[in-house]
């Protein structure tokens, strides 16, 4: 099983869609809300160079934005 982290924030419609997609495909993931968690926000920007949500990190590889095809490919869905 791949290690999946989803960086989100409130009022982000693509974030909600990504969570539904993961739930529909039984993908186990950890959600990090960058508005509620300052450490997660710094991690997102400093470690992955991302400034937007959703950002999905799969086994250390960041996919920035709502890139469903790239995420499906990385998860073999």
Protein backbone atom coordinates (compact mmCIF):
# COMPACT_ATOMS: atom_id res chain seq x y z
CA UNK A 1 0.00 0.00 0.00
CA UNK A 2 1.25 3.45 -0.90
CA UNK A 3 1.70 6.24 1.62
CA UNK A 4 -0.75 9.01 0.64
CA UNK A 5 -1.04 12.47 2.19
CA UNK A 6 -3.65 15.00 1.09
CA UNK A 7 -3.04 18.68 1.87
CA UNK A 8 -6.33 20.55 2.05
CA UNK A 9 -7.96 23.71 3.33
CA UNK A 10 -11.55 24.71 4.11
CA UNK A 11 -13.69 26.00 1.25
CA UNK A 12 -11.67 24.10 -1.36
CA UNK A 13 -14.13 22.30 -3.67
CA UNK A 14 -11.40 20.27 -5.46
CA UNK A 15 -10.19 19.08 -2.02
CA UNK A 16 -13.66 17.71 -1.27
CA UNK A 17 -13.78 15.97 -4.64
CA UNK A 18 -10.34 14.44 -4.01
CA UNK A 19 -11.49 13.08 -0.64
CA UNK A 20 -14.59 11.56 -2.27
CA UNK A 21 -12.41 10.03 -4.99
CA UNK A 22 -10.08 8.47 -2.40
CA UNK A 23 -13.04 7.16 -0.36
CA UNK A 24 -14.72 5.71 -3.47
CA UNK A 25 -11.50 3.88 -4.39
CA UNK A 26 -10.68 2.78 -0.82
CA UNK A 27 -7.46 4.78 -0.77
CA UNK A 28 -6.13 5.18 2.76
CA UNK A 29 -4.78 8.70 3.18
CA UNK A 30 -3.78 11.21 5.82
CA UNK A 31 -5.37 14.64 5.51
CA UNK A 32 -3.46 17.75 6.56
CA UNK A 33 -5.43 21.01 6.75
CA UNK A 34 -2.98 23.83 5.99
CA UNK A 35 -5.25 26.48 7.54
CA UNK A 36 -5.56 24.69 10.90
CA UNK A 37 -2.03 23.28 11.01
CA UNK A 38 0.85 25.74 10.58
CA UNK A 39 3.39 22.91 10.51
CA UNK A 40 1.52 21.28 7.61
CA UNK A 41 1.49 24.61 5.75
CA UNK A 42 5.26 25.02 6.17
CA UNK A 43 5.81 21.41 5.16
CA UNK A 44 3.73 21.92 2.01
CA UNK A 45 5.63 25.03 0.93
CA UNK A 46 9.15 24.21 2.11
CA UNK A 47 9.35 20.48 1.41
CA UNK A 48 7.18 20.23 -1.70
CA UNK A 49 7.30 23.77 -3.13
CA UNK A 50 3.51 23.87 -3.32
CA UNK A 51 1.28 26.81 -2.47
CA UNK A 52 -2.12 25.44 -3.45
CA UNK A 53 -4.54 22.72 -2.51
CA UNK A 54 -5.24 20.02 -3.12
CA UNK A 55 -1.71 18.71 -3.13
CA UNK A 56 -1.35 14.95 -2.96
CA UNK A 57 1.90 13.32 -1.90
CA UNK A 58 2.23 9.66 -2.87
CA UNK A 59 5.31 7.88 -1.52
CA UNK A 60 7.14 11.21 -1.38
CA UNK A 61 6.11 12.41 -4.86
CA UNK A 62 4.02 15.60 -4.81
CA UNK A 63 1.20 16.09 -7.30
CA UNK A 64 0.15 19.73 -7.05
CA UNK A 65 -3.40 20.73 -7.93
CA UNK A 66 -6.35 18.67 -9.06
CA UNK A 67 -4.44 16.35 -11.38
CA UNK A 68 -6.70 13.30 -11.29
CA UNK A 69 -5.01 11.48 -14.19
CA UNK A 70 -1.57 11.78 -12.56
CA UNK A 71 -2.97 10.59 -9.24
CA UNK A 72 -4.72 7.62 -10.87
CA UNK A 73 -1.49 6.69 -12.63
CA UNK A 74 0.57 6.92 -9.45
CA UNK A 75 -1.97 4.80 -7.54
CA UNK A 76 -2.50 2.32 -10.41
CA UNK A 77 -6.25 3.02 -10.54
